[in-house]
C-alpha atoms as a PDB file:
ATOM      1  CA  MET A   1     -18.845 -20.723 -26.491  1.00  0.00           C
ATOM      2  CA  LYS A   2     -22.397 -21.849 -26.035  1.00  0.00           C
ATOM      3  CA  PHE A   3     -23.699 -24.509 -23.739  1.00  0.00           C
ATOM      4  CA  PHE A   4     -26.292 -26.694 -25.114  1.00  0.00           C
ATOM      5  CA  SER A   5     -27.723 -27.677 -21.798  1.00  0.00           C
ATOM      6  CA  LYS A   6     -28.835 -26.344 -18.269  1.00  0.00           C
ATOM      7  CA  LYS A   7     -24.994 -25.989 -17.520  1.00  0.00           C
ATOM      8  CA  GLU A   8     -25.280 -22.523 -19.189  1.00  0.00           C
ATOM      9  CA  LEU A   9     -27.387 -21.342 -16.401  1.00  0.00           C
ATOM     10  CA  ASP A  10     -25.285 -22.868 -13.751  1.00  0.00           C
ATOM     11  CA  PHE A  11     -22.202 -21.161 -15.520  1.00  0.00           C
ATOM     12  CA  ASN A  12     -23.681 -17.722 -15.533  1.00  0.00           C
ATOM     13  CA  ASP A  13     -24.744 -18.234 -11.872  1.00  0.00           C
ATOM     14  CA  PHE A  14     -21.430 -19.336 -10.888  1.00  0.00           C
ATOM     15  CA  PHE A  15     -19.681 -16.486 -12.580  1.00  0.00           C
ATOM     16  CA  LEU A  16     -22.058 -13.832 -10.900  1.00  0.00           C
ATOM     17  CA  ILE A  17     -21.200 -15.575  -7.529  1.00  0.00           C
ATOM     18  CA  CYS A  18     -17.426 -15.257  -7.976  1.00  0.00           C
ATOM     19  CA  LYS A  19     -17.776 -11.697  -9.185  1.00  0.00           C
ATOM     20  CA  THR A  20     -19.746 -10.767  -6.242  1.00  0.00           C
ATOM     21  CA  ILE A  21     -17.190 -12.443  -3.792  1.00  0.00           C
ATOM     22  CA  TYR A  22     -14.368 -11.117  -5.639  1.00  0.00           C
ATOM     23  CA  ASN A  23     -15.611  -7.505  -5.219  1.00  0.00           C
ATOM     24  CA  GLY A  24     -16.362  -8.281  -1.665  1.00  0.00           C
ATOM     25  CA  ALA A  25     -19.986  -7.399  -1.741  1.00  0.00           C
ATOM     26  CA  HIS A  26     -20.857 -10.613  -0.112  1.00  0.00           C
ATOM     27  CA  LYS A  27     -19.876  -8.690   3.130  1.00  0.00           C
ATOM     28  CA  ASN A  28     -23.064  -7.141   3.024  1.00  0.00           C
ATOM     29  CA  GLU A  29     -25.577  -9.593   4.850  1.00  0.00           C
ATOM     30  CA  VAL A  30     -28.208  -9.033   2.371  1.00  0.00           C
ATOM     31  CA  ILE A  31     -25.999  -9.966  -0.689  1.00  0.00           C
ATOM     32  CA  ASN A  32     -24.431 -12.637   1.087  1.00  0.00           C
ATOM     33  CA  ASN A  33     -28.037 -14.334   1.598  1.00  0.00           C
ATOM     34  CA  LEU A  34     -28.833 -13.813  -1.893  1.00  0.00           C
ATOM     35  CA  VAL A  35     -25.383 -15.707  -2.922  1.00  0.00           C
ATOM     36  CA  LEU A  36     -26.490 -18.637  -0.621  1.00  0.00           C
ATOM     37  CA  LYS A  37     -30.040 -18.557  -2.222  1.00  0.00           C
ATOM     38  CA  LEU A  38     -28.624 -18.488  -5.789  1.00  0.00           C
ATOM     39  CA  SER A  39     -26.320 -21.401  -5.029  1.00  0.00           C
ATOM     40  CA  PHE A  40     -29.394 -23.247  -3.899  1.00  0.00           C
ATOM     41  CA  SER A  41     -30.878 -23.000  -7.362  1.00  0.00           C
ATOM     42  CA  MET A  42     -27.884 -24.404  -9.231  1.00  0.00           C
ATOM     43  CA  ASN A  43     -26.558 -27.882 -10.389  1.00  0.00           C
ATOM     44  CA  ASP A  44     -28.927 -30.644  -9.171  1.00  0.00           C
ATOM     45  CA  PHE A  45     -31.538 -28.303  -7.954  1.00  0.00           C
ATOM     46  CA  ARG A  46     -32.225 -27.626 -11.755  1.00  0.00           C
ATOM     47  CA  LEU A  47     -32.945 -31.052 -12.660  1.00  0.00           C
ATOM     48  CA  SER A  48     -36.510 -32.180 -13.112  1.00  0.00           C
ATOM     49  CA  SER A  49     -35.718 -35.372 -10.986  1.00  0.00           C
ATOM     50  CA  TYR A  50     -34.440 -33.531  -8.255  1.00  0.00           C
ATOM     51  CA  ASN A  51     -36.021 -34.967  -4.963  1.00  0.00           C
ATOM     52  CA  GLY A  52     -33.418 -33.720  -2.062  1.00  0.00           C
ATOM     53  CA  LYS A  53     -33.816 -32.706   1.383  1.00  0.00           C
ATOM     54  CA  ILE A  54     -33.059 -29.086   0.843  1.00  0.00           C
ATOM     55  CA  THR A  55     -35.684 -26.916  -0.658  1.00  0.00           C
ATOM     56  CA  LYS A  56     -34.713 -25.646  -4.298  1.00  0.00           C
ATOM     57  CA  GLN A  57     -34.604 -21.767  -3.844  1.00  0.00           C
ATOM     58  CA  VAL A  58     -35.316 -19.459  -6.774  1.00  0.00           C
ATOM     59  CA  LEU A  59     -34.318 -15.917  -6.881  1.00  0.00           C
ATOM     60  CA  THR A  60     -37.003 -13.101  -7.913  1.00  0.00           C
ATOM     61  CA  LYS A  61     -36.012 -10.832 -10.701  1.00  0.00           C
ATOM     62  CA  GLU A  62     -35.500  -8.073  -8.178  1.00  0.00           C
ATOM     63  CA  GLU A  63     -33.282 -10.299  -6.045  1.00  0.00           C
ATOM     64  CA  LEU A  64     -31.211 -10.933  -9.114  1.00  0.00           C
ATOM     65  CA  THR A  65     -30.998  -7.425 -10.016  1.00  0.00           C
ATOM     66  CA  THR A  66     -29.937  -6.624  -6.606  1.00  0.00           C
ATOM     67  CA  LEU A  67     -27.130  -9.112  -6.562  1.00  0.00           C
ATOM     68  CA  LYS A  68     -25.975  -7.936  -9.955  1.00  0.00           C
ATOM     69  CA  THR A  69     -25.632  -4.473  -8.906  1.00  0.00           C
ATOM     70  CA  ALA A  70     -24.386  -4.968  -5.624  1.00  0.00           C
ATOM     71  CA  VAL A  71     -21.984  -2.305  -4.471  1.00  0.00           C
ATOM     72  CA  PRO A  72     -18.392  -3.662  -4.209  1.00  0.00           C
ATOM     73  CA  LEU A  73     -16.885  -3.377  -0.560  1.00  0.00           C
ATOM     74  CA  SER A  74     -13.358  -4.322  -1.615  1.00  0.00           C
ATOM     75  CA  LEU A  75     -10.782  -2.331  -3.434  1.00  0.00           C
ATOM     76  CA  ARG A  76      -8.159  -4.407  -5.199  1.00  0.00           C
ATOM     77  CA  LEU A  77      -4.730  -2.416  -5.055  1.00  0.00           C
ATOM     78  CA  ALA A  78      -2.320  -2.814  -7.809  1.00  0.00           C
ATOM     79  CA  ASP A  79       0.208  -4.818  -5.694  1.00  0.00           C
ATOM     80  CA  GLY A  80      -2.281  -7.437  -4.790  1.00  0.00           C
ATOM     81  CA  ARG A  81      -3.643  -6.284  -1.513  1.00  0.00           C
ATOM     82  CA  VAL A  82      -7.281  -5.827  -0.839  1.00  0.00           C
ATOM     83  CA  ARG A  83      -8.600  -2.777   0.912  1.00  0.00           C
ATOM     84  CA  ASP A  84     -11.845  -2.829   2.809  1.00  0.00           C
ATOM     85  CA  ILE A  85     -13.927  -0.032   1.444  1.00  0.00           C
ATOM     86  CA  THR A  86     -15.917   0.869   4.429  1.00  0.00           C
ATOM     87  CA  THR A  87     -13.020   0.418   7.010  1.00  0.00           C
ATOM     88  CA  GLY A  88     -10.143   1.774   4.824  1.00  0.00           C
ATOM     89  CA  LYS A  89      -8.048  -1.313   6.270  1.00  0.00           C
ATOM     90  CA  ILE A  90      -6.222  -3.819   4.199  1.00  0.00           C
ATOM     91  CA  ASP A  91      -7.691  -7.249   4.376  1.00  0.00           C
ATOM     92  CA  TYR A  92      -4.916  -9.670   4.695  1.00  0.00           C
ATOM     93  CA  ASN A  93      -7.024 -12.661   4.669  1.00  0.00           C
ATOM     94  CA  SER A  94      -7.895 -11.803   0.781  1.00  0.00           C
ATOM     95  CA  GLU A  95      -4.352 -10.661  -0.252  1.00  0.00           C
ATOM     96  CA  SER A  96      -3.031 -12.318  -3.469  1.00  0.00           C
ATOM     97  CA  SER A  97       0.545 -11.239  -3.502  1.00  0.00           C
ATOM     98  CA  CYS A  98       3.837 -12.921  -3.408  1.00  0.00           C
ATOM     99  CA  TYR A  99       7.353 -11.262  -2.590  1.00  0.00           C
ATOM    100  CA  LEU A 100      10.160 -10.978  -4.884  1.00  0.00           C
ATOM    101  CA  ILE A 101      13.560 -10.640  -2.872  1.00  0.00           C
ATOM    102  CA  THR A 102      16.713  -9.506  -4.681  1.00  0.00           C
ATOM    103  CA  ARG A 103      19.741 -10.407  -2.681  1.00  0.00           C
ATOM    104  CA  PRO A 104      23.134  -8.258  -2.778  1.00  0.00           C
ATOM    105  CA  GLY A 105      24.446 -10.368  -5.478  1.00  0.00           C
ATOM    106  CA  LYS A 106      21.323  -9.695  -7.742  1.00  0.00           C
ATOM    107  CA  GLU A 107      20.058 -13.193  -6.954  1.00  0.00           C
ATOM    108  CA  GLU A 108      16.262 -13.204  -7.063  1.00  0.00           C
ATOM    109  CA  LEU A 109      13.916 -15.419  -4.810  1.00  0.00           C
ATOM    110  CA  ILE A 110      10.228 -15.495  -4.672  1.00  0.00           C
ATOM    111  CA  VAL A 111       8.498 -16.299  -1.517  1.00  0.00           C
ATOM    112  CA  LYS A 112       4.674 -16.449  -0.832  1.00  0.00           C
ATOM    113  CA  SER A 113       4.388 -14.859   2.696  1.00  0.00           C
ATOM    114  CA  LEU A 114       5.617 -11.718   4.174  1.00  0.00           C
ATOM    115  CA  LYS A 115       6.905 -13.650   7.157  1.00  0.00           C
ATOM    116  CA  GLU A 116       9.057 -15.732   5.066  1.00  0.00           C
ATOM    117  CA  ALA A 117      10.510 -12.665   3.260  1.00  0.00           C
ATOM    118  CA  GLY A 118      11.200 -11.098   6.798  1.00  0.00           C
ATOM    119  CA  GLU A 119      13.240 -14.271   7.669  1.00  0.00           C
ATOM    120  CA  ILE A 120      15.164 -14.282   4.563  1.00  0.00           C
ATOM    121  CA  VAL A 121      16.188 -10.518   4.609  1.00  0.00           C
ATOM    122  CA  GLY A 122      16.515 -10.478   8.381  1.00  0.00           C
ATOM    123  CA  VAL A 123      13.865  -7.914   9.263  1.00  0.00           C
ATOM    124  CA  HIS A 124      10.705  -8.633  11.252  1.00  0.00           C
ATOM    125  CA  TYR A 125       7.799  -9.020   9.113  1.00  0.00           C
ATOM    126  CA  SER A 126       5.762  -6.162  10.734  1.00  0.00           C
ATOM    127  CA  THR A 127       8.698  -3.757   9.883  1.00  0.00           C
ATOM    128  CA  LEU A 128       8.960  -5.145   6.351  1.00  0.00           C
ATOM    129  CA  SER A 129       5.205  -4.720   6.117  1.00  0.00           C
ATOM    130  CA  LYS A 130       5.329  -0.980   6.882  1.00  0.00           C
ATOM    131  CA  ILE A 131       8.147  -0.532   4.461  1.00  0.00           C
ATOM    132  CA  LEU A 132       6.038  -2.046   1.735  1.00  0.00           C
ATOM    133  CA  ASP A 133       2.695  -0.637   2.630  1.00  0.00           C
ATOM    134  CA  VAL A 134       2.005   1.818  -0.245  1.00  0.00           C
ATOM    135  CA  ASP A 135      -0.406   1.787  -3.071  1.00  0.00           C
ATOM    136  CA  PHE A 136       2.224   1.496  -5.953  1.00  0.00           C
ATOM    137  CA  ALA A 137       2.917  -2.083  -7.366  1.00  0.00           C
ATOM    138  CA  ASP A 138       6.405  -0.779  -8.759  1.00  0.00           C
ATOM    139  CA  PHE A 139       7.337   0.372  -5.180  1.00  0.00           C
ATOM    140  CA  VAL A 140      10.565  -1.691  -4.033  1.00  0.00           C
ATOM    141  CA  GLY A 141      11.441  -1.673  -0.167  1.00  0.00           C
ATOM    142  CA  ASP A 142      15.155  -1.332   0.386  1.00  0.00           C
ATOM    143  CA  ILE A 143      16.531  -2.921   3.385  1.00  0.00           C
ATOM    144  CA  ARG A 144      19.509  -0.915   3.665  1.00  0.00           C
ATOM    145  CA  SER A 145      21.107  -2.809   6.669  1.00  0.00           C
ATOM    146  CA  THR A 146      20.999  -6.057   4.868  1.00  0.00           C
ATOM    147  CA  GLY A 147      21.484  -4.867   1.133  1.00  0.00           C
ATOM    148  CA  HIS A 148      18.155  -6.690   0.053  1.00  0.00           C
ATOM    149  CA  SER A 149      15.305  -5.297  -1.895  1.00  0.00           C
ATOM    150  CA  VAL A 150      11.725  -6.669  -1.550  1.00  0.00           C
ATOM    151  CA  ARG A 151       8.811  -6.221  -3.766  1.00  0.00           C
ATOM    152  CA  ARG A 152       5.279  -7.116  -3.350  1.00  0.00           C
ATOM    153  CA  ILE A 153       4.009  -8.483  -6.762  1.00  0.00           C
ATOM    154  CA  LYS A 154       0.127  -9.151  -7.689  1.00  0.00           C
ATOM    155  CA  VAL A 155      -0.537 -12.945  -8.348  1.00  0.00           C
ATOM    156  CA  PHE A 156      -3.893 -12.646  -9.903  1.00  0.00           C
ATOM    157  CA  GLY A 157      -5.786 -10.248 -12.079  1.00  0.00           C
END
């Protein structure tokens, strides 16, 4: 659909900001500063009547190109986890997973945290994390001592 106002510019900028953050490129200080600068050119800052205390900022073409071509610093795994590309470690603050628990009687539960899943199956969450820490979305962690199985499921994307 086509916008018939300046909102199209705001939408395009917001989409670029979301894409940059989703890909983790904002972890780079230069890119993060460009994201902030871009945000100070949106919405009310575009109105001719704007007279706020914060100075309107405009990105140069070079800065906009830098932002659009920013190298992703996060890798989204098939099971919803996010791996930091520079360190190779999982970023649990960005994780977008839930957990499907299948009980011995085939009853299924969905819980939102690893800690909650561990409490239900009777295994410490750090142990459960080690069982599930693989890069395959269809991997199911069998908890043989309790008869449960747990599966990490991607929530978004």
